[in-house]
Amino acid sequence: MSSNMDGFAFHHVGVAVQDMQTAIPLYKKLFNYELIAGPFDDPIQRVSVSFLSRGAGDTVIELVAPLGPKSPIDGVLKKGGGTYHVCYEVPDLTAAITHLTEHDCLMLSEPVPAVAFDMRKIAWLMTEAGLLVELLEG
């Protein structure tokens, strides 16, 4: 993997919401976003996710809501919710993890399959500055 991060393609920004059925119409009304995929219930991640966009070239937003008790999104929601992670799609998940951990990122979750991405693997890391990063296997 090149040191200039060519292998990291921005995929989406994650937004924590309490209720998917309330959030989707709100993003449509306020910002003209359309549902492009989901909702997907992911029992592995214990969340429900939906993807919204305003069309080609626009930033994709992933709405993330808790799926049952003890969801990992609960802590974000207790702080008010909102934008809380960025996701990069990478061609080599292992190499991307190595690159980030060699640059002082903390590994939070080993790669696991994700329902919303047709069971492609994702991993979670935290930067020194406190940015939560999701890596998506390309």
N, C-alpha and C. Protein backbone atom coordinates (compact mmCIF):
# COMPACT_ATOMS: atom_id res chain seq x y z
N MET A 1 0.85 -1.18 0.00
CA MET A 1 0.00 0.00 0.00
C MET A 1 0.89 1.23 0.00
N SER A 2 0.54 2.19 -0.81
CA SER A 2 1.35 3.39 -0.94
C SER A 2 1.22 4.27 0.29
N SER A 3 2.27 4.96 0.62
CA SER A 3 2.25 5.80 1.82
C SER A 3 1.35 7.02 1.63
N ASN A 4 0.97 7.34 0.40
CA ASN A 4 0.11 8.51 0.21
C ASN A 4 -1.37 8.16 0.28
N MET A 5 -1.70 6.95 0.72
CA MET A 5 -3.07 6.56 1.01
C MET A 5 -3.92 6.36 -0.24
N ASP A 6 -3.31 6.10 -1.41
CA ASP A 6 -4.09 5.89 -2.62
C ASP A 6 -5.10 4.76 -2.49
N GLY A 7 -4.82 3.79 -1.64
CA GLY A 7 -5.71 2.65 -1.49
C GLY A 7 -6.94 2.91 -0.64
N PHE A 8 -7.03 4.07 -0.03
CA PHE A 8 -8.15 4.41 0.84
C PHE A 8 -9.14 5.26 0.05
N ALA A 9 -10.28 4.68 -0.34
CA ALA A 9 -11.31 5.42 -1.08
C ALA A 9 -12.45 5.77 -0.11
N PHE A 10 -12.76 7.05 0.01
CA PHE A 10 -13.83 7.47 0.91
C PHE A 10 -15.12 6.77 0.50
N HIS A 11 -15.83 6.18 1.46
CA HIS A 11 -17.06 5.44 1.17
C HIS A 11 -18.30 6.13 1.71
N HIS A 12 -18.30 6.49 3.00
CA HIS A 12 -19.46 7.15 3.59
C HIS A 12 -19.11 7.78 4.93
N VAL A 13 -20.04 8.58 5.43
CA VAL A 13 -19.96 9.13 6.78
C VAL A 13 -21.12 8.53 7.56
N GLY A 14 -20.84 8.12 8.80
CA GLY A 14 -21.85 7.49 9.63
C GLY A 14 -22.50 8.46 10.59
N VAL A 15 -23.83 8.39 10.68
CA VAL A 15 -24.61 9.27 11.55
C VAL A 15 -25.47 8.41 12.47
N ALA A 16 -25.30 8.59 13.77
CA ALA A 16 -26.08 7.84 14.75
C ALA A 16 -27.46 8.47 14.92
N VAL A 17 -28.49 7.64 14.80
CA VAL A 17 -29.87 8.11 14.98
C VAL A 17 -30.58 7.16 15.93
N GLN A 18 -31.55 7.68 16.65
CA GLN A 18 -32.30 6.86 17.60
C GLN A 18 -33.29 5.95 16.89
N ASP A 19 -33.92 6.48 15.83
CA ASP A 19 -35.00 5.75 15.17
C ASP A 19 -34.90 5.94 13.66
N MET A 20 -34.72 4.85 12.95
CA MET A 20 -34.55 4.88 11.49
C MET A 20 -35.79 5.43 10.79
N GLN A 21 -36.97 5.03 11.24
CA GLN A 21 -38.21 5.43 10.56
C GLN A 21 -38.49 6.91 10.71
N THR A 22 -37.94 7.55 11.71
CA THR A 22 -38.06 9.00 11.88
C THR A 22 -36.96 9.73 11.11
N ALA A 23 -35.76 9.18 11.13
CA ALA A 23 -34.60 9.85 10.54
C ALA A 23 -34.65 9.91 9.02
N ILE A 24 -35.06 8.84 8.36
CA ILE A 24 -35.06 8.82 6.89
C ILE A 24 -35.93 9.93 6.32
N PRO A 25 -37.19 10.09 6.75
CA PRO A 25 -38.00 11.18 6.20
C PRO A 25 -37.47 12.57 6.56
N LEU A 26 -36.83 12.67 7.72
CA LEU A 26 -36.26 13.96 8.13
C LEU A 26 -35.14 14.38 7.18
N TYR A 27 -34.23 13.46 6.84
CA TYR A 27 -33.14 13.78 5.92
C TYR A 27 -33.68 14.09 4.52
N LYS A 28 -34.78 13.47 4.13
CA LYS A 28 -35.44 13.77 2.85
C LYS A 28 -35.99 15.19 2.88
N LYS A 29 -36.74 15.51 3.93
CA LYS A 29 -37.38 16.82 4.03
C LYS A 29 -36.36 17.95 4.16
N LEU A 30 -35.36 17.77 5.00
CA LEU A 30 -34.40 18.84 5.25
C LEU A 30 -33.36 19.00 4.16
N PHE A 31 -32.85 17.87 3.62
CA PHE A 31 -31.69 17.93 2.74
C PHE A 31 -31.88 17.25 1.39
N ASN A 32 -33.09 16.74 1.13
CA ASN A 32 -33.42 16.08 -0.14
C ASN A 32 -32.64 14.79 -0.39
N TYR A 33 -32.32 14.08 0.69
CA TYR A 33 -31.67 12.78 0.54
C TYR A 33 -32.71 11.71 0.24
N GLU A 34 -32.31 10.71 -0.55
CA GLU A 34 -33.15 9.57 -0.88
C GLU A 34 -32.52 8.30 -0.31
N LEU A 35 -33.36 7.39 0.09
CA LEU A 35 -32.90 6.09 0.54
C LEU A 35 -32.37 5.31 -0.66
N ILE A 36 -31.10 4.87 -0.59
CA ILE A 36 -30.53 4.11 -1.71
C ILE A 36 -30.31 2.64 -1.35
N ALA A 37 -30.29 2.32 -0.05
CA ALA A 37 -30.14 0.92 0.37
C ALA A 37 -30.54 0.80 1.84
N GLY A 38 -31.19 -0.32 2.14
CA GLY A 38 -31.57 -0.58 3.52
C GLY A 38 -33.03 -0.29 3.76
N PRO A 39 -33.42 -0.36 5.01
CA PRO A 39 -32.60 -0.66 6.18
C PRO A 39 -32.16 -2.14 6.21
N PHE A 40 -30.97 -2.30 6.77
CA PHE A 40 -30.38 -3.62 6.98
C PHE A 40 -30.22 -3.81 8.48
N ASP A 41 -30.77 -4.89 9.02
CA ASP A 41 -30.55 -5.24 10.41
C ASP A 41 -29.34 -6.16 10.48
N ASP A 42 -28.33 -5.75 11.24
CA ASP A 42 -27.09 -6.51 11.35
C ASP A 42 -26.93 -7.02 12.77
N PRO A 43 -27.28 -8.29 13.02
CA PRO A 43 -27.17 -8.82 14.37
C PRO A 43 -25.71 -8.94 14.85
N ILE A 44 -24.77 -9.03 13.93
CA ILE A 44 -23.35 -9.10 14.31
C ILE A 44 -22.91 -7.77 14.92
N GLN A 45 -23.30 -6.67 14.26
CA GLN A 45 -22.92 -5.34 14.74
C GLN A 45 -23.93 -4.79 15.78
N ARG A 46 -25.11 -5.42 15.87
CA ARG A 46 -26.20 -4.99 16.76
C ARG A 46 -26.70 -3.59 16.41
N VAL A 47 -26.81 -3.33 15.09
CA VAL A 47 -27.33 -2.06 14.59
C VAL A 47 -28.20 -2.30 13.37
N SER A 48 -29.01 -1.30 13.06
CA SER A 48 -29.75 -1.26 11.81
C SER A 48 -29.18 -0.08 11.02
N VAL A 49 -28.93 -0.27 9.73
CA VAL A 49 -28.33 0.80 8.93
C VAL A 49 -29.10 1.01 7.64
N SER A 50 -29.09 2.27 7.19
CA SER A 50 -29.65 2.66 5.90
C SER A 50 -28.68 3.63 5.25
N PHE A 51 -28.64 3.60 3.92
CA PHE A 51 -27.76 4.50 3.19
C PHE A 51 -28.59 5.49 2.40
N LEU A 52 -28.19 6.76 2.48
CA LEU A 52 -28.90 7.85 1.81
C LEU A 52 -27.94 8.60 0.91
N SER A 53 -28.46 9.16 -0.19
CA SER A 53 -27.65 9.97 -1.09
C SER A 53 -28.56 10.94 -1.84
N ARG A 54 -27.95 11.95 -2.43
CA ARG A 54 -28.68 12.87 -3.30
C ARG A 54 -28.30 12.66 -4.75
N GLY A 55 -27.56 11.60 -5.04
CA GLY A 55 -27.22 11.29 -6.41
C GLY A 55 -25.74 11.09 -6.61
N ALA A 56 -25.38 10.77 -7.84
CA ALA A 56 -23.98 10.49 -8.19
C ALA A 56 -23.07 11.65 -7.79
N GLY A 57 -21.96 11.30 -7.18
CA GLY A 57 -20.98 12.30 -6.79
C GLY A 57 -21.23 12.92 -5.43
N ASP A 58 -22.39 12.65 -4.82
CA ASP A 58 -22.70 13.22 -3.51
C ASP A 58 -22.19 12.28 -2.42
N THR A 59 -21.90 12.82 -1.26
CA THR A 59 -21.47 12.02 -0.13
C THR A 59 -22.61 11.12 0.33
N VAL A 60 -22.30 9.86 0.53
CA VAL A 60 -23.28 8.91 1.05
C VAL A 60 -23.29 9.02 2.57
N ILE A 61 -24.50 9.02 3.12
CA ILE A 61 -24.69 9.04 4.57
C ILE A 61 -25.23 7.68 4.99
N GLU A 62 -24.60 7.11 6.01
CA GLU A 62 -25.10 5.88 6.61
C GLU A 62 -25.79 6.25 7.92
N LEU A 63 -27.09 6.05 7.98
CA LEU A 63 -27.80 6.23 9.24
C LEU A 63 -27.67 4.93 10.02
N VAL A 64 -27.32 5.04 11.30
CA VAL A 64 -27.08 3.88 12.14
C VAL A 64 -27.95 4.00 13.39
N ALA A 65 -28.82 3.02 13.60
CA ALA A 65 -29.71 3.00 14.76
C ALA A 65 -29.46 1.72 15.56
N PRO A 66 -29.75 1.75 16.86
CA PRO A 66 -29.54 0.55 17.68
C PRO A 66 -30.48 -0.57 17.26
N LEU A 67 -29.98 -1.78 17.34
CA LEU A 67 -30.77 -2.98 17.08
C LEU A 67 -30.81 -3.77 18.38
N GLY A 68 -31.79 -3.50 19.20
CA GLY A 68 -31.92 -4.17 20.48
C GLY A 68 -31.07 -3.53 21.56
N PRO A 69 -31.10 -4.12 22.75
CA PRO A 69 -30.33 -3.59 23.88
C PRO A 69 -28.83 -3.81 23.70
N LYS A 70 -28.07 -2.98 24.37
CA LYS A 70 -26.61 -3.08 24.40
C LYS A 70 -25.99 -2.96 23.00
N SER A 71 -26.54 -2.06 22.19
CA SER A 71 -25.97 -1.79 20.88
C SER A 71 -24.74 -0.90 21.05
N PRO A 72 -23.71 -1.10 20.23
CA PRO A 72 -22.52 -0.26 20.36
C PRO A 72 -22.79 1.21 20.04
N ILE A 73 -23.91 1.52 19.41
CA ILE A 73 -24.25 2.90 19.07
C ILE A 73 -24.87 3.64 20.26
N ASP A 74 -25.25 2.92 21.30
CA ASP A 74 -25.90 3.54 22.46
C ASP A 74 -25.07 4.66 23.08
N GLY A 75 -23.78 4.46 23.19
CA GLY A 75 -22.92 5.49 23.78
C GLY A 75 -22.91 6.77 22.97
N VAL A 76 -22.91 6.64 21.66
CA VAL A 76 -22.93 7.82 20.78
C VAL A 76 -24.27 8.54 20.94
N LEU A 77 -25.35 7.78 21.00
CA LEU A 77 -26.67 8.39 21.15
C LEU A 77 -26.84 9.08 22.50
N LYS A 78 -26.22 8.55 23.56
CA LYS A 78 -26.29 9.19 24.87
C LYS A 78 -25.62 10.55 24.86
N LYS A 79 -24.69 10.75 23.94
CA LYS A 79 -24.00 12.03 23.79
C LYS A 79 -24.72 12.93 22.79
N GLY A 80 -25.88 12.51 22.30
CA GLY A 80 -26.65 13.34 21.38
C GLY A 80 -26.72 12.82 19.97
N GLY A 81 -25.95 11.78 19.65
CA GLY A 81 -25.98 11.21 18.29
C GLY A 81 -25.26 12.09 17.30
N GLY A 82 -25.61 11.95 16.03
CA GLY A 82 -25.00 12.73 14.97
C GLY A 82 -23.82 12.02 14.33
N THR A 83 -23.06 12.77 13.55
CA THR A 83 -21.93 12.23 12.81
C THR A 83 -20.88 11.68 13.78
N TYR A 84 -20.45 10.44 13.54
CA TYR A 84 -19.50 9.86 14.49
C TYR A 84 -18.43 8.99 13.85
N HIS A 85 -18.54 8.64 12.55
CA HIS A 85 -17.46 7.88 11.94
C HIS A 85 -17.34 8.17 10.45
N VAL A 86 -16.16 7.86 9.91
CA VAL A 86 -15.93 7.89 8.47
C VAL A 86 -15.54 6.49 8.04
N CYS A 87 -15.89 6.15 6.81
CA CYS A 87 -15.59 4.82 6.29
C CYS A 87 -14.78 4.94 5.01
N TYR A 88 -13.74 4.12 4.93
CA TYR A 88 -12.92 4.02 3.73
C TYR A 88 -12.97 2.60 3.21
N GLU A 89 -13.17 2.46 1.91
CA GLU A 89 -13.08 1.16 1.27
C GLU A 89 -11.64 0.95 0.86
N VAL A 90 -11.12 -0.23 1.16
CA VAL A 90 -9.71 -0.52 0.91
C VAL A 90 -9.57 -1.83 0.15
N PRO A 91 -8.60 -1.91 -0.77
CA PRO A 91 -8.42 -3.14 -1.54
C PRO A 91 -7.85 -4.29 -0.72
N ASP A 92 -7.10 -3.98 0.32
CA ASP A 92 -6.46 -5.00 1.16
C ASP A 92 -6.68 -4.62 2.61
N LEU A 93 -7.65 -5.25 3.25
CA LEU A 93 -8.03 -4.90 4.62
C LEU A 93 -6.87 -5.09 5.59
N THR A 94 -6.15 -6.17 5.47
CA THR A 94 -5.03 -6.44 6.38
C THR A 94 -3.95 -5.37 6.24
N ALA A 95 -3.61 -5.00 5.01
CA ALA A 95 -2.60 -3.97 4.79
C ALA A 95 -3.06 -2.61 5.33
N ALA A 96 -4.34 -2.30 5.16
CA ALA A 96 -4.86 -1.02 5.65
C ALA A 96 -4.82 -0.97 7.17
N ILE A 97 -5.19 -2.06 7.81
CA ILE A 97 -5.12 -2.13 9.27
C ILE A 97 -3.69 -1.96 9.75
N THR A 98 -2.77 -2.65 9.10
CA THR A 98 -1.35 -2.53 9.45
C THR A 98 -0.88 -1.09 9.30
N HIS A 99 -1.25 -0.46 8.18
CA HIS A 99 -0.85 0.94 7.94
C HIS A 99 -1.35 1.84 9.07
N LEU A 100 -2.62 1.71 9.43
CA LEU A 100 -3.18 2.59 10.46
C LEU A 100 -2.61 2.30 11.84
N THR A 101 -2.44 1.03 12.18
CA THR A 101 -1.90 0.72 13.51
C THR A 101 -0.43 1.14 13.62
N GLU A 102 0.30 1.09 12.50
CA GLU A 102 1.69 1.57 12.51
C GLU A 102 1.76 3.09 12.67
N HIS A 103 0.63 3.75 12.45
CA HIS A 103 0.55 5.20 12.62
C HIS A 103 -0.31 5.54 13.85
N ASP A 104 -0.17 4.71 14.87
CA ASP A 104 -0.73 4.96 16.20
C ASP A 104 -2.25 4.93 16.29
N CYS A 105 -2.91 4.28 15.35
CA CYS A 105 -4.35 4.07 15.49
C CYS A 105 -4.58 2.82 16.34
N LEU A 106 -5.61 2.87 17.14
CA LEU A 106 -5.95 1.77 18.03
C LEU A 106 -6.99 0.87 17.37
N MET A 107 -6.71 -0.41 17.33
CA MET A 107 -7.64 -1.38 16.78
C MET A 107 -8.77 -1.60 17.78
N LEU A 108 -10.01 -1.35 17.37
CA LEU A 108 -11.16 -1.53 18.25
C LEU A 108 -11.91 -2.82 17.98
N SER A 109 -11.91 -3.25 16.72
CA SER A 109 -12.66 -4.45 16.35
C SER A 109 -11.95 -5.16 15.21
N GLU A 110 -11.66 -6.41 15.43
CA GLU A 110 -11.08 -7.23 14.36
C GLU A 110 -12.09 -7.33 13.21
N PRO A 111 -11.64 -7.63 12.00
CA PRO A 111 -12.57 -7.74 10.86
C PRO A 111 -13.68 -8.76 11.10
N VAL A 112 -14.90 -8.33 10.78
CA VAL A 112 -16.09 -9.19 10.86
C VAL A 112 -16.96 -8.92 9.63
N PRO A 113 -17.77 -9.89 9.22
CA PRO A 113 -18.65 -9.67 8.08
C PRO A 113 -19.76 -8.68 8.44
N ALA A 114 -20.19 -7.88 7.44
CA ALA A 114 -21.24 -6.89 7.65
C ALA A 114 -22.40 -7.14 6.68
N VAL A 115 -23.58 -7.27 7.23
CA VAL A 115 -24.78 -7.53 6.44
C VAL A 115 -24.99 -6.48 5.36
N ALA A 116 -24.83 -5.21 5.70
CA ALA A 116 -25.09 -4.11 4.76
C ALA A 116 -24.15 -4.10 3.56
N PHE A 117 -23.04 -4.81 3.66
CA PHE A 117 -22.06 -4.84 2.58
C PHE A 117 -21.92 -6.24 2.00
N ASP A 118 -23.01 -6.96 1.92
CA ASP A 118 -23.01 -8.32 1.37
C ASP A 118 -21.97 -9.22 2.02
N MET A 119 -21.81 -9.05 3.33
CA MET A 119 -20.92 -9.85 4.16
C MET A 119 -19.42 -9.60 3.89
N ARG A 120 -19.12 -8.50 3.17
CA ARG A 120 -17.71 -8.11 3.11
C ARG A 120 -17.30 -7.70 4.52
N LYS A 121 -16.03 -7.85 4.84
CA LYS A 121 -15.57 -7.58 6.19
C LYS A 121 -15.35 -6.10 6.44
N ILE A 122 -15.58 -5.70 7.69
CA ILE A 122 -15.28 -4.36 8.16
C ILE A 122 -14.44 -4.48 9.43
N ALA A 123 -13.68 -3.43 9.71
CA ALA A 123 -12.91 -3.34 10.94
C ALA A 123 -13.02 -1.90 11.45
N TRP A 124 -12.87 -1.74 12.75
CA TRP A 124 -12.99 -0.42 13.38
C TRP A 124 -11.69 -0.05 14.08
N LEU A 125 -11.25 1.20 13.85
CA LEU A 125 -10.04 1.72 14.49
C LEU A 125 -10.31 3.14 14.97
N MET A 126 -9.49 3.60 15.91
CA MET A 126 -9.59 4.95 16.44
C MET A 126 -8.26 5.65 16.23
N THR A 127 -8.31 6.86 15.65
CA THR A 127 -7.08 7.62 15.46
C THR A 127 -6.66 8.26 16.78
N GLU A 128 -5.43 8.74 16.82
CA GLU A 128 -4.94 9.44 18.01
C GLU A 128 -5.80 10.63 18.36
N ALA A 129 -6.38 11.28 17.34
CA ALA A 129 -7.22 12.46 17.55
C ALA A 129 -8.65 12.09 17.93
N GLY A 130 -8.95 10.80 18.03
CA GLY A 130 -10.28 10.37 18.45
C GLY A 130 -11.28 10.18 17.33
N LEU A 131 -10.81 10.11 16.08
CA LEU A 131 -11.71 9.87 14.95
C LEU A 131 -11.94 8.38 14.81
N LEU A 132 -13.21 7.97 14.78
CA LEU A 132 -13.57 6.58 14.58
C LEU A 132 -13.56 6.29 13.09
N VAL A 133 -12.79 5.27 12.70
CA VAL A 133 -12.62 4.93 11.28
C VAL A 133 -13.11 3.50 11.05
N GLU A 134 -13.97 3.35 10.08
CA GLU A 134 -14.42 2.04 9.64
C GLU A 134 -13.69 1.72 8.34
N LEU A 135 -13.11 0.54 8.26
CA LEU A 135 -12.48 0.07 7.02
C LEU A 135 -13.38 -0.99 6.42
N LEU A 136 -13.63 -0.87 5.13
CA LEU A 136 -14.49 -1.79 4.39
C LEU A 136 -13.65 -2.52 3.37
N GLU A 137 -13.70 -3.83 3.43
CA GLU A 137 -12.98 -4.67 2.49
C GLU A 137 -13.51 -4.41 1.07
N GLY A 138 -12.58 -4.09 0.15
CA GLY A 138 -12.97 -3.77 -1.23
C GLY A 138 -13.21 -4.97 -2.09
